N, C-alpha and C. Protein backbone atom coordinates (compact mmCIF):
# COMPACT_ATOMS: atom_id res chain seq x y z
N MET A 1 119.95 -32.25 151.16
CA MET A 1 120.59 -33.56 151.21
C MET A 1 120.93 -34.05 149.80
N VAL A 2 120.01 -33.83 148.87
CA VAL A 2 120.26 -34.21 147.48
C VAL A 2 121.40 -33.41 146.90
N ALA A 3 121.41 -32.09 147.23
CA ALA A 3 122.47 -31.21 146.73
C ALA A 3 123.82 -31.64 147.25
N LEU A 4 123.84 -32.05 148.55
CA LEU A 4 125.09 -32.49 149.16
C LEU A 4 125.58 -33.77 148.49
N TYR A 5 124.66 -34.70 148.22
CA TYR A 5 125.02 -35.96 147.56
C TYR A 5 125.57 -35.68 146.17
N TYR A 6 124.89 -34.78 145.43
CA TYR A 6 125.34 -34.43 144.08
C TYR A 6 126.72 -33.81 144.12
N SER A 7 126.93 -32.92 145.12
CA SER A 7 128.22 -32.25 145.24
C SER A 7 129.34 -33.24 145.54
N SER A 8 129.07 -34.21 146.44
CA SER A 8 130.09 -35.18 146.80
C SER A 8 130.42 -36.10 145.62
N GLN A 9 129.39 -36.49 144.85
CA GLN A 9 129.61 -37.32 143.67
C GLN A 9 130.44 -36.58 142.64
N LEU A 10 130.13 -35.29 142.46
CA LEU A 10 130.87 -34.46 141.51
C LEU A 10 132.32 -34.30 141.94
N SER A 11 132.53 -34.18 143.25
CA SER A 11 133.88 -34.04 143.79
C SER A 11 134.71 -35.29 143.54
N VAL A 12 134.07 -36.46 143.69
CA VAL A 12 134.77 -37.73 143.45
C VAL A 12 135.18 -37.85 141.99
N VAL A 13 134.23 -37.54 141.09
CA VAL A 13 134.53 -37.60 139.65
C VAL A 13 135.65 -36.64 139.29
N GLY A 14 135.57 -35.41 139.83
CA GLY A 14 136.61 -34.42 139.57
C GLY A 14 137.96 -34.85 140.12
N SER A 15 137.94 -35.46 141.30
CA SER A 15 139.19 -35.90 141.92
C SER A 15 139.86 -37.00 141.10
N VAL A 16 139.05 -37.94 140.61
CA VAL A 16 139.60 -39.04 139.80
C VAL A 16 140.21 -38.51 138.51
N SER A 17 139.48 -37.62 137.82
CA SER A 17 139.97 -37.10 136.53
C SER A 17 141.22 -36.25 136.72
N HIS A 18 141.21 -35.37 137.73
CA HIS A 18 142.38 -34.52 137.98
C HIS A 18 143.58 -35.35 138.44
N SER A 19 143.34 -36.34 139.30
CA SER A 19 144.44 -37.19 139.78
C SER A 19 145.07 -37.97 138.63
N THR A 20 144.23 -38.46 137.72
CA THR A 20 144.75 -39.18 136.55
C THR A 20 145.62 -38.28 135.70
N ALA A 21 145.14 -37.05 135.47
CA ALA A 21 145.91 -36.09 134.67
C ALA A 21 147.23 -35.75 135.35
N ILE A 22 147.20 -35.59 136.67
CA ILE A 22 148.41 -35.25 137.43
C ILE A 22 149.44 -36.37 137.33
N ILE A 23 149.00 -37.62 137.52
CA ILE A 23 149.90 -38.77 137.46
C ILE A 23 150.53 -38.90 136.06
N CYS A 24 149.70 -38.76 135.03
CA CYS A 24 150.20 -38.87 133.65
C CYS A 24 151.21 -37.78 133.33
N THR A 25 150.94 -36.55 133.81
CA THR A 25 151.85 -35.44 133.55
C THR A 25 153.17 -35.62 134.28
N ILE A 26 153.09 -36.09 135.53
CA ILE A 26 154.33 -36.35 136.29
C ILE A 26 155.16 -37.41 135.57
N PHE A 27 154.50 -38.49 135.13
CA PHE A 27 155.19 -39.55 134.40
C PHE A 27 155.86 -38.99 133.16
N ARG A 28 155.14 -38.14 132.42
CA ARG A 28 155.70 -37.54 131.20
C ARG A 28 156.94 -36.70 131.52
N LEU A 29 156.85 -35.84 132.54
CA LEU A 29 157.96 -34.94 132.86
C LEU A 29 159.18 -35.72 133.38
N VAL A 30 158.91 -36.74 134.20
CA VAL A 30 160.01 -37.57 134.70
C VAL A 30 160.70 -38.30 133.55
N TYR A 31 159.90 -38.85 132.65
CA TYR A 31 160.45 -39.58 131.50
C TYR A 31 161.26 -38.65 130.61
N ARG A 32 160.71 -37.47 130.32
CA ARG A 32 161.42 -36.50 129.46
C ARG A 32 162.70 -36.02 130.14
N GLY A 33 162.65 -35.85 131.47
CA GLY A 33 163.84 -35.44 132.20
C GLY A 33 164.89 -36.54 132.20
N TRP A 34 164.44 -37.79 132.37
CA TRP A 34 165.36 -38.93 132.36
C TRP A 34 166.03 -39.08 131.00
N MET A 35 165.28 -38.78 129.94
CA MET A 35 165.82 -38.83 128.58
C MET A 35 166.60 -37.56 128.21
N ARG A 36 166.62 -36.61 129.15
CA ARG A 36 167.28 -35.31 128.93
C ARG A 36 166.74 -34.63 127.67
N ASN A 37 165.43 -34.62 127.59
CA ASN A 37 164.78 -34.07 126.40
C ASN A 37 163.73 -33.02 126.77
N LEU A 38 163.93 -32.36 127.92
CA LEU A 38 162.99 -31.33 128.36
C LEU A 38 163.10 -30.10 127.47
N TRP A 39 161.96 -29.50 127.15
CA TRP A 39 161.95 -28.30 126.30
C TRP A 39 160.78 -27.42 126.71
N TRP A 40 160.49 -26.39 125.92
CA TRP A 40 159.46 -25.41 126.29
C TRP A 40 158.09 -26.04 126.48
N GLU A 41 157.75 -27.04 125.66
CA GLU A 41 156.43 -27.66 125.81
C GLU A 41 156.29 -28.34 127.17
N ASP A 42 157.43 -28.78 127.73
CA ASP A 42 157.40 -29.42 129.05
C ASP A 42 157.21 -28.39 130.16
N ALA A 43 157.70 -27.16 129.91
CA ALA A 43 157.48 -26.08 130.88
C ALA A 43 155.99 -25.76 130.98
N TRP A 44 155.32 -25.74 129.83
CA TRP A 44 153.87 -25.50 129.83
C TRP A 44 153.13 -26.67 130.48
N ALA A 45 153.62 -27.88 130.24
CA ALA A 45 153.01 -29.05 130.88
C ALA A 45 153.17 -28.98 132.40
N ALA A 46 154.33 -28.48 132.85
CA ALA A 46 154.58 -28.32 134.29
C ALA A 46 153.64 -27.28 134.89
N LEU A 47 153.39 -26.19 134.14
CA LEU A 47 152.45 -25.17 134.60
C LEU A 47 151.04 -25.76 134.71
N ALA A 48 150.65 -26.56 133.72
CA ALA A 48 149.35 -27.22 133.76
C ALA A 48 149.27 -28.16 134.96
N LEU A 49 150.38 -28.84 135.26
CA LEU A 49 150.43 -29.76 136.41
C LEU A 49 150.20 -29.01 137.72
N ILE A 50 150.89 -27.89 137.88
CA ILE A 50 150.74 -27.08 139.11
C ILE A 50 149.30 -26.61 139.26
N ALA A 51 148.74 -26.09 138.16
CA ALA A 51 147.35 -25.60 138.19
C ALA A 51 146.37 -26.74 138.48
N ASP A 52 146.69 -27.93 137.98
CA ASP A 52 145.82 -29.08 138.20
C ASP A 52 145.84 -29.52 139.67
N VAL A 53 147.01 -29.45 140.29
CA VAL A 53 147.11 -29.76 141.73
C VAL A 53 146.27 -28.76 142.53
N VAL A 54 146.32 -27.49 142.11
CA VAL A 54 145.50 -26.46 142.78
C VAL A 54 144.02 -26.76 142.61
N CYS A 55 143.63 -27.16 141.38
CA CYS A 55 142.23 -27.53 141.12
C CYS A 55 141.78 -28.66 142.04
N LEU A 56 142.62 -29.67 142.16
CA LEU A 56 142.29 -30.83 142.99
C LEU A 56 142.08 -30.42 144.44
N ALA A 57 142.93 -29.51 144.92
CA ALA A 57 142.80 -29.04 146.30
C ALA A 57 141.51 -28.23 146.48
N CYS A 58 141.19 -27.39 145.48
CA CYS A 58 140.01 -26.52 145.59
C CYS A 58 138.71 -27.30 145.55
N ILE A 59 138.73 -28.47 144.90
CA ILE A 59 137.51 -29.29 144.82
C ILE A 59 137.02 -29.67 146.23
N TRP A 60 137.96 -29.89 147.14
CA TRP A 60 137.60 -30.35 148.48
C TRP A 60 137.62 -29.25 149.53
N ILE A 61 137.98 -28.03 149.13
CA ILE A 61 137.98 -26.91 150.07
C ILE A 61 136.73 -26.07 149.81
N GLY A 62 135.83 -26.05 150.72
CA GLY A 62 134.57 -25.31 150.53
C GLY A 62 134.66 -23.89 151.02
N SER A 63 135.00 -22.96 150.13
CA SER A 63 135.05 -21.56 150.51
C SER A 63 134.87 -20.69 149.27
N VAL A 64 134.57 -19.42 149.51
CA VAL A 64 134.43 -18.48 148.40
C VAL A 64 135.76 -18.32 147.67
N LEU A 65 136.86 -18.27 148.44
CA LEU A 65 138.18 -18.10 147.84
C LEU A 65 138.51 -19.26 146.91
N SER A 66 138.12 -20.48 147.31
CA SER A 66 138.42 -21.65 146.48
C SER A 66 137.67 -21.59 145.15
N SER A 67 136.47 -20.97 145.15
CA SER A 67 135.72 -20.80 143.90
C SER A 67 136.47 -19.88 142.95
N TRP A 68 137.04 -18.81 143.50
CA TRP A 68 137.87 -17.90 142.71
C TRP A 68 139.07 -18.65 142.11
N ILE A 69 139.79 -19.32 142.98
CA ILE A 69 141.02 -20.00 142.55
C ILE A 69 140.70 -21.10 141.54
N LEU A 70 139.63 -21.86 141.78
CA LEU A 70 139.26 -22.94 140.87
C LEU A 70 138.91 -22.40 139.48
N ALA A 71 138.20 -21.28 139.43
CA ALA A 71 137.83 -20.68 138.15
C ALA A 71 139.06 -20.32 137.33
N ILE A 72 140.08 -19.79 138.00
CA ILE A 72 141.30 -19.39 137.30
C ILE A 72 142.19 -20.60 137.00
N ALA A 73 142.33 -21.50 137.98
CA ALA A 73 143.22 -22.66 137.82
C ALA A 73 142.72 -23.61 136.74
N PHE A 74 141.40 -23.82 136.68
CA PHE A 74 140.85 -24.74 135.69
C PHE A 74 141.13 -24.25 134.27
N THR A 75 140.93 -22.95 134.06
CA THR A 75 141.23 -22.36 132.74
C THR A 75 142.72 -22.48 132.42
N THR A 76 143.56 -22.28 133.43
CA THR A 76 145.01 -22.38 133.24
C THR A 76 145.42 -23.80 132.87
N VAL A 77 144.80 -24.80 133.50
CA VAL A 77 145.10 -26.20 133.17
C VAL A 77 144.84 -26.47 131.69
N LEU A 78 143.65 -26.10 131.22
CA LEU A 78 143.25 -26.38 129.84
C LEU A 78 144.16 -25.70 128.83
N TRP A 79 144.39 -24.41 129.03
CA TRP A 79 145.13 -23.66 128.00
C TRP A 79 146.64 -23.85 128.09
N ALA A 80 147.17 -24.11 129.28
CA ALA A 80 148.59 -24.45 129.38
C ALA A 80 148.86 -25.79 128.70
N ALA A 81 147.93 -26.74 128.87
CA ALA A 81 148.07 -28.04 128.20
C ALA A 81 148.01 -27.87 126.68
N ARG A 82 147.12 -27.00 126.22
CA ARG A 82 147.02 -26.76 124.78
C ARG A 82 148.27 -26.07 124.24
N MET A 83 148.82 -25.15 125.02
CA MET A 83 150.07 -24.50 124.60
C MET A 83 151.19 -25.52 124.50
N SER A 84 151.21 -26.48 125.42
CA SER A 84 152.21 -27.54 125.38
C SER A 84 152.09 -28.36 124.11
N VAL A 85 150.84 -28.66 123.72
CA VAL A 85 150.60 -29.46 122.51
C VAL A 85 151.01 -28.70 121.25
N ILE A 86 150.63 -27.42 121.18
CA ILE A 86 150.93 -26.65 119.97
C ILE A 86 152.43 -26.42 119.82
N LEU A 87 153.15 -26.34 120.95
CA LEU A 87 154.61 -26.20 120.89
C LEU A 87 155.26 -27.49 120.37
N LEU A 88 154.59 -28.63 120.59
CA LEU A 88 155.08 -29.89 120.01
C LEU A 88 154.92 -29.90 118.50
N ILE A 89 153.94 -29.13 118.00
CA ILE A 89 153.66 -29.09 116.57
C ILE A 89 154.64 -28.20 115.82
N ILE A 90 155.21 -27.21 116.51
CA ILE A 90 156.11 -26.26 115.86
C ILE A 90 157.31 -26.95 115.19
N PRO A 91 157.98 -27.93 115.83
CA PRO A 91 159.07 -28.62 115.14
C PRO A 91 158.63 -29.31 113.85
N ILE A 92 157.39 -29.81 113.84
CA ILE A 92 156.86 -30.44 112.62
C ILE A 92 156.74 -29.40 111.52
N ALA A 93 156.26 -28.20 111.89
CA ALA A 93 156.14 -27.11 110.92
C ALA A 93 157.51 -26.69 110.40
N ASN A 94 158.49 -26.63 111.30
CA ASN A 94 159.85 -26.27 110.89
C ASN A 94 160.44 -27.31 109.93
N HIS A 95 160.10 -28.58 110.20
CA HIS A 95 160.62 -29.67 109.37
C HIS A 95 160.02 -29.66 107.96
N SER A 96 158.83 -29.05 107.83
CA SER A 96 158.17 -29.01 106.52
C SER A 96 158.91 -28.11 105.54
N GLY A 97 159.71 -27.16 106.07
CA GLY A 97 160.48 -26.26 105.20
C GLY A 97 159.68 -25.12 104.61
N SER A 98 158.45 -24.95 105.05
CA SER A 98 157.59 -23.88 104.52
C SER A 98 157.42 -22.77 105.56
N LYS A 99 157.66 -21.53 105.13
CA LYS A 99 157.49 -20.39 106.03
C LYS A 99 156.02 -20.20 106.41
N ILE A 100 155.13 -20.53 105.49
CA ILE A 100 153.70 -20.39 105.76
C ILE A 100 153.27 -21.30 106.90
N HIS A 101 153.78 -22.55 106.90
CA HIS A 101 153.45 -23.49 107.97
C HIS A 101 153.95 -22.99 109.32
N LYS A 102 155.14 -22.41 109.33
CA LYS A 102 155.69 -21.85 110.57
C LYS A 102 154.82 -20.71 111.07
N ARG A 103 154.41 -19.83 110.14
CA ARG A 103 153.58 -18.68 110.53
C ARG A 103 152.23 -19.12 111.06
N ILE A 104 151.69 -20.17 110.46
CA ILE A 104 150.38 -20.68 110.91
C ILE A 104 150.48 -21.17 112.35
N THR A 105 151.52 -21.93 112.65
CA THR A 105 151.66 -22.47 114.01
C THR A 105 151.90 -21.34 115.02
N TYR A 106 152.71 -20.35 114.66
CA TYR A 106 152.94 -19.23 115.56
C TYR A 106 151.67 -18.40 115.74
N LEU A 107 150.86 -18.31 114.68
CA LEU A 107 149.58 -17.60 114.78
C LEU A 107 148.64 -18.33 115.74
N VAL A 108 148.65 -19.66 115.66
CA VAL A 108 147.83 -20.45 116.58
C VAL A 108 148.26 -20.22 118.02
N VAL A 109 149.57 -20.18 118.27
CA VAL A 109 150.10 -19.92 119.61
C VAL A 109 149.61 -18.56 120.11
N ALA A 110 149.69 -17.54 119.25
CA ALA A 110 149.25 -16.18 119.62
C ALA A 110 147.75 -16.16 119.92
N CYS A 111 146.97 -16.85 119.09
CA CYS A 111 145.51 -16.90 119.29
C CYS A 111 145.16 -17.61 120.59
N PHE A 112 145.88 -18.71 120.89
CA PHE A 112 145.64 -19.44 122.13
C PHE A 112 145.94 -18.55 123.34
N ALA A 113 147.05 -17.81 123.28
CA ALA A 113 147.44 -16.93 124.39
C ALA A 113 146.40 -15.83 124.61
N CYS A 114 145.92 -15.24 123.52
CA CYS A 114 144.90 -14.17 123.61
C CYS A 114 143.58 -14.72 124.16
N THR A 115 143.19 -15.90 123.69
CA THR A 115 141.94 -16.51 124.16
C THR A 115 142.03 -16.85 125.64
N TRP A 116 143.16 -17.42 126.02
CA TRP A 116 143.40 -17.76 127.43
C TRP A 116 143.26 -16.51 128.31
N THR A 117 143.91 -15.42 127.90
CA THR A 117 143.86 -14.17 128.66
C THR A 117 142.43 -13.63 128.76
N ALA A 118 141.72 -13.65 127.61
CA ALA A 118 140.35 -13.13 127.58
C ALA A 118 139.43 -13.93 128.50
N LEU A 119 139.58 -15.26 128.51
CA LEU A 119 138.74 -16.10 129.36
C LEU A 119 139.05 -15.89 130.85
N LEU A 120 140.33 -15.69 131.16
CA LEU A 120 140.71 -15.40 132.55
C LEU A 120 140.10 -14.09 133.02
N VAL A 121 140.18 -13.07 132.17
CA VAL A 121 139.61 -11.77 132.51
C VAL A 121 138.09 -11.89 132.71
N GLN A 122 137.44 -12.62 131.81
CA GLN A 122 136.00 -12.82 131.91
C GLN A 122 135.62 -13.50 133.21
N LYS A 123 136.37 -14.54 133.59
CA LYS A 123 136.05 -15.27 134.83
C LYS A 123 136.33 -14.42 136.07
N ILE A 124 137.39 -13.63 136.03
CA ILE A 124 137.71 -12.76 137.18
C ILE A 124 136.60 -11.73 137.38
N ILE A 125 136.10 -11.17 136.27
CA ILE A 125 135.00 -10.20 136.36
C ILE A 125 133.74 -10.85 136.92
N ILE A 126 133.43 -12.07 136.42
CA ILE A 126 132.25 -12.79 136.91
C ILE A 126 132.38 -13.08 138.41
N CYS A 127 133.55 -13.51 138.83
CA CYS A 127 133.76 -13.81 140.26
C CYS A 127 133.67 -12.54 141.11
N GLU A 128 134.14 -11.44 140.58
CA GLU A 128 134.13 -10.18 141.31
C GLU A 128 132.71 -9.65 141.52
N PHE A 129 131.90 -9.71 140.48
CA PHE A 129 130.57 -9.07 140.53
C PHE A 129 129.41 -10.06 140.67
N HIS A 130 129.64 -11.35 140.42
CA HIS A 130 128.54 -12.32 140.48
C HIS A 130 128.89 -13.56 141.30
N SER A 131 129.83 -13.44 142.22
CA SER A 131 130.20 -14.53 143.14
C SER A 131 130.55 -15.83 142.42
N CYS A 132 131.24 -15.71 141.30
CA CYS A 132 131.70 -16.86 140.51
C CYS A 132 130.56 -17.72 139.97
N ARG A 133 129.39 -17.13 139.80
CA ARG A 133 128.26 -17.86 139.18
C ARG A 133 128.40 -17.74 137.67
N MET A 134 128.95 -18.77 137.05
CA MET A 134 129.17 -18.76 135.61
C MET A 134 127.86 -19.01 134.87
N GLY A 135 127.37 -18.00 134.18
CA GLY A 135 126.09 -18.11 133.49
C GLY A 135 126.22 -18.65 132.09
N LYS A 136 125.13 -18.43 131.32
CA LYS A 136 125.09 -18.96 129.96
C LYS A 136 126.16 -18.36 129.07
N SER A 137 126.41 -17.06 129.21
CA SER A 137 127.39 -16.39 128.34
C SER A 137 128.78 -17.00 128.51
N VAL A 138 129.12 -17.30 129.77
CA VAL A 138 130.42 -17.92 130.05
C VAL A 138 130.47 -19.33 129.48
N ALA A 139 129.40 -20.09 129.70
CA ALA A 139 129.35 -21.47 129.20
C ALA A 139 129.49 -21.51 127.68
N VAL A 140 128.80 -20.60 127.00
CA VAL A 140 128.87 -20.56 125.53
C VAL A 140 130.27 -20.20 125.07
N SER A 141 130.87 -19.18 125.69
CA SER A 141 132.22 -18.77 125.28
C SER A 141 133.24 -19.88 125.52
N LEU A 142 133.08 -20.61 126.64
CA LEU A 142 134.00 -21.71 126.94
C LEU A 142 133.84 -22.86 125.94
N LEU A 143 132.59 -23.22 125.66
CA LEU A 143 132.34 -24.31 124.72
C LEU A 143 132.85 -23.98 123.32
N VAL A 144 132.58 -22.76 122.87
CA VAL A 144 133.02 -22.36 121.53
C VAL A 144 134.54 -22.37 121.42
N THR A 145 135.21 -21.77 122.41
CA THR A 145 136.68 -21.74 122.37
C THR A 145 137.28 -23.14 122.52
N ASP A 146 136.66 -23.99 123.35
CA ASP A 146 137.15 -25.37 123.51
C ASP A 146 137.06 -26.14 122.20
N ILE A 147 135.91 -26.03 121.54
CA ILE A 147 135.71 -26.76 120.28
C ILE A 147 136.67 -26.28 119.20
N ILE A 148 136.79 -24.96 119.05
CA ILE A 148 137.69 -24.40 118.03
C ILE A 148 139.14 -24.81 118.32
N ALA A 149 139.55 -24.70 119.59
CA ALA A 149 140.93 -25.04 119.96
C ALA A 149 141.24 -26.51 119.72
N ASP A 150 140.30 -27.39 120.10
CA ASP A 150 140.53 -28.83 119.93
C ASP A 150 140.57 -29.23 118.46
N ILE A 151 139.70 -28.63 117.66
CA ILE A 151 139.72 -28.92 116.22
C ILE A 151 141.04 -28.44 115.61
N THR A 152 141.49 -27.26 116.04
CA THR A 152 142.77 -26.71 115.55
C THR A 152 143.93 -27.63 115.88
N LEU A 153 143.91 -28.18 117.12
CA LEU A 153 145.00 -29.05 117.56
C LEU A 153 145.01 -30.40 116.84
N VAL A 154 143.95 -30.68 116.10
CA VAL A 154 143.91 -31.91 115.31
C VAL A 154 144.19 -31.63 113.84
N VAL A 155 143.52 -30.61 113.31
CA VAL A 155 143.64 -30.30 111.88
C VAL A 155 145.07 -29.88 111.51
N VAL A 156 145.66 -29.01 112.31
CA VAL A 156 147.01 -28.49 111.99
C VAL A 156 148.06 -29.61 111.96
N PRO A 157 148.19 -30.43 113.02
CA PRO A 157 149.20 -31.50 112.97
C PRO A 157 148.92 -32.56 111.92
N LEU A 158 147.64 -32.92 111.70
CA LEU A 158 147.32 -33.90 110.67
C LEU A 158 147.72 -33.40 109.30
N TYR A 159 147.47 -32.13 109.04
CA TYR A 159 147.84 -31.53 107.76
C TYR A 159 149.36 -31.53 107.59
N LEU A 160 150.08 -31.13 108.65
CA LEU A 160 151.54 -31.07 108.57
C LEU A 160 152.15 -32.47 108.43
N LEU A 161 151.60 -33.44 109.17
CA LEU A 161 152.11 -34.81 109.07
C LEU A 161 151.89 -35.38 107.68
N GLN A 162 150.80 -35.00 107.06
CA GLN A 162 150.52 -35.47 105.71
C GLN A 162 151.48 -34.84 104.70
N ILE A 163 151.80 -33.55 104.93
CA ILE A 163 152.70 -32.83 104.04
C ILE A 163 154.10 -33.43 104.06
N ILE A 164 154.61 -33.74 105.27
CA ILE A 164 155.99 -34.23 105.36
C ILE A 164 156.06 -35.75 105.27
N GLY A 165 154.90 -36.41 105.11
CA GLY A 165 154.88 -37.85 104.87
C GLY A 165 155.24 -38.70 106.06
N ARG A 166 154.71 -38.34 107.24
CA ARG A 166 154.95 -39.16 108.43
C ARG A 166 154.07 -40.41 108.41
N PRO A 167 154.41 -41.44 109.18
CA PRO A 167 153.65 -42.69 109.19
C PRO A 167 152.20 -42.48 109.62
N ARG A 168 151.35 -43.40 109.17
CA ARG A 168 149.92 -43.35 109.50
C ARG A 168 149.68 -43.49 111.00
N SER A 169 150.59 -44.17 111.70
CA SER A 169 150.43 -44.37 113.15
C SER A 169 150.42 -43.03 113.88
N ASN A 170 151.22 -42.07 113.39
CA ASN A 170 151.25 -40.75 114.01
C ASN A 170 149.89 -40.06 113.89
N MET A 171 149.25 -40.22 112.73
CA MET A 171 147.94 -39.61 112.52
C MET A 171 146.89 -40.25 113.41
N ILE A 172 146.98 -41.56 113.61
CA ILE A 172 146.04 -42.24 114.50
C ILE A 172 146.20 -41.72 115.93
N LEU A 173 147.46 -41.46 116.33
CA LEU A 173 147.73 -40.94 117.66
C LEU A 173 147.08 -39.57 117.85
N VAL A 174 147.16 -38.73 116.83
CA VAL A 174 146.54 -37.41 116.90
C VAL A 174 145.03 -37.53 117.00
N GLN A 175 144.45 -38.45 116.23
CA GLN A 175 143.00 -38.65 116.27
C GLN A 175 142.56 -39.16 117.64
N PHE A 176 143.39 -40.00 118.24
CA PHE A 176 143.08 -40.51 119.58
C PHE A 176 143.09 -39.36 120.59
N ALA A 177 144.07 -38.47 120.44
CA ALA A 177 144.16 -37.30 121.33
C ALA A 177 142.92 -36.42 121.20
N PHE A 178 142.41 -36.30 119.96
CA PHE A 178 141.20 -35.52 119.73
C PHE A 178 140.02 -36.17 120.42
N GLY A 179 139.95 -37.49 120.35
CA GLY A 179 138.85 -38.20 121.02
C GLY A 179 138.85 -37.94 122.51
N ALA A 180 140.03 -37.91 123.11
CA ALA A 180 140.13 -37.62 124.54
C ALA A 180 139.72 -36.19 124.84
N SER A 181 140.03 -35.27 123.93
CA SER A 181 139.71 -33.86 124.15
C SER A 181 138.22 -33.59 124.09
N LEU A 182 137.44 -34.53 123.56
CA LEU A 182 135.99 -34.35 123.51
C LEU A 182 135.38 -34.33 124.92
N LEU A 183 136.14 -34.80 125.91
CA LEU A 183 135.66 -34.77 127.29
C LEU A 183 135.69 -33.36 127.87
N VAL A 184 136.47 -32.46 127.24
CA VAL A 184 136.61 -31.10 127.77
C VAL A 184 135.27 -30.38 127.89
N PRO A 185 134.39 -30.43 126.86
CA PRO A 185 133.10 -29.75 127.03
C PRO A 185 132.29 -30.24 128.22
N VAL A 186 132.45 -31.50 128.59
CA VAL A 186 131.74 -32.03 129.75
C VAL A 186 132.18 -31.30 131.02
N PHE A 187 133.50 -31.11 131.17
CA PHE A 187 134.02 -30.41 132.33
C PHE A 187 133.68 -28.92 132.26
N THR A 188 133.59 -28.40 131.04
CA THR A 188 133.21 -27.00 130.87
C THR A 188 131.80 -26.76 131.40
N ILE A 189 130.89 -27.65 131.06
CA ILE A 189 129.51 -27.53 131.53
C ILE A 189 129.47 -27.64 133.05
N THR A 190 130.27 -28.57 133.59
CA THR A 190 130.31 -28.77 135.04
C THR A 190 130.83 -27.55 135.77
N ILE A 191 131.90 -26.97 135.26
CA ILE A 191 132.53 -25.83 135.93
C ILE A 191 131.65 -24.59 135.87
N CYS A 192 130.69 -24.57 134.93
CA CYS A 192 129.81 -23.41 134.80
C CYS A 192 128.56 -23.55 135.67
N ALA A 193 128.44 -24.67 136.36
CA ALA A 193 127.30 -24.83 137.26
C ALA A 193 127.43 -23.88 138.43
N PRO A 194 126.32 -23.34 138.94
CA PRO A 194 126.39 -22.39 140.06
C PRO A 194 127.05 -23.02 141.27
N PRO A 195 128.06 -22.37 141.84
CA PRO A 195 128.74 -22.91 143.01
C PRO A 195 127.87 -22.80 144.25
N PRO A 196 128.15 -23.63 145.25
CA PRO A 196 127.39 -23.54 146.50
C PRO A 196 127.66 -22.23 147.22
N GLN A 197 126.70 -21.76 147.98
CA GLN A 197 126.85 -20.51 148.69
C GLN A 197 127.43 -20.77 150.08
N TYR A 198 128.44 -19.98 150.43
CA TYR A 198 129.09 -20.15 151.73
C TYR A 198 128.83 -18.90 152.58
N GLN A 199 128.62 -19.10 153.83
CA GLN A 199 128.35 -17.97 154.73
C GLN A 199 129.65 -17.33 155.18
């Protein structure tokens, strides 16, 4: 009974957070489309949106298959969103006029893609052989990659904005985004909790 109560409370929290993210992303895509300013970063945001809708559905579907899908979809949401953010940084790097800045941003994109792939493979293997029971090794790898990725998404744009002399308000916006990203480790710990067993 306690486990059921905990599970239902966790489902409500997950539903609220995912629903908020879905609404915000839809608003962003509609606004960008209305302004006729859609670009590659919006395609990644759309992919994150689709994966987030899948996550929301899996939260309330109690089955072994949903555990598989949730493990993959949750990772896709996080890293597709990060790819969207880093693609927003590339124009800033191009505006700086430095080839080194461009290479750094492209290197970050490549590292994000490789990390995303590695984490997906790790989760698929865990689900295949351990019924999606994410243990300590998975939790550590997720936390480490989340922290490194979030710090990168703050340090790189702040550095570039300082180089090209953008207003202080832009830097505050980036810092605010970093503050919001600190919630990611909380969801990482949650997603690594042992899933319920289904007959």
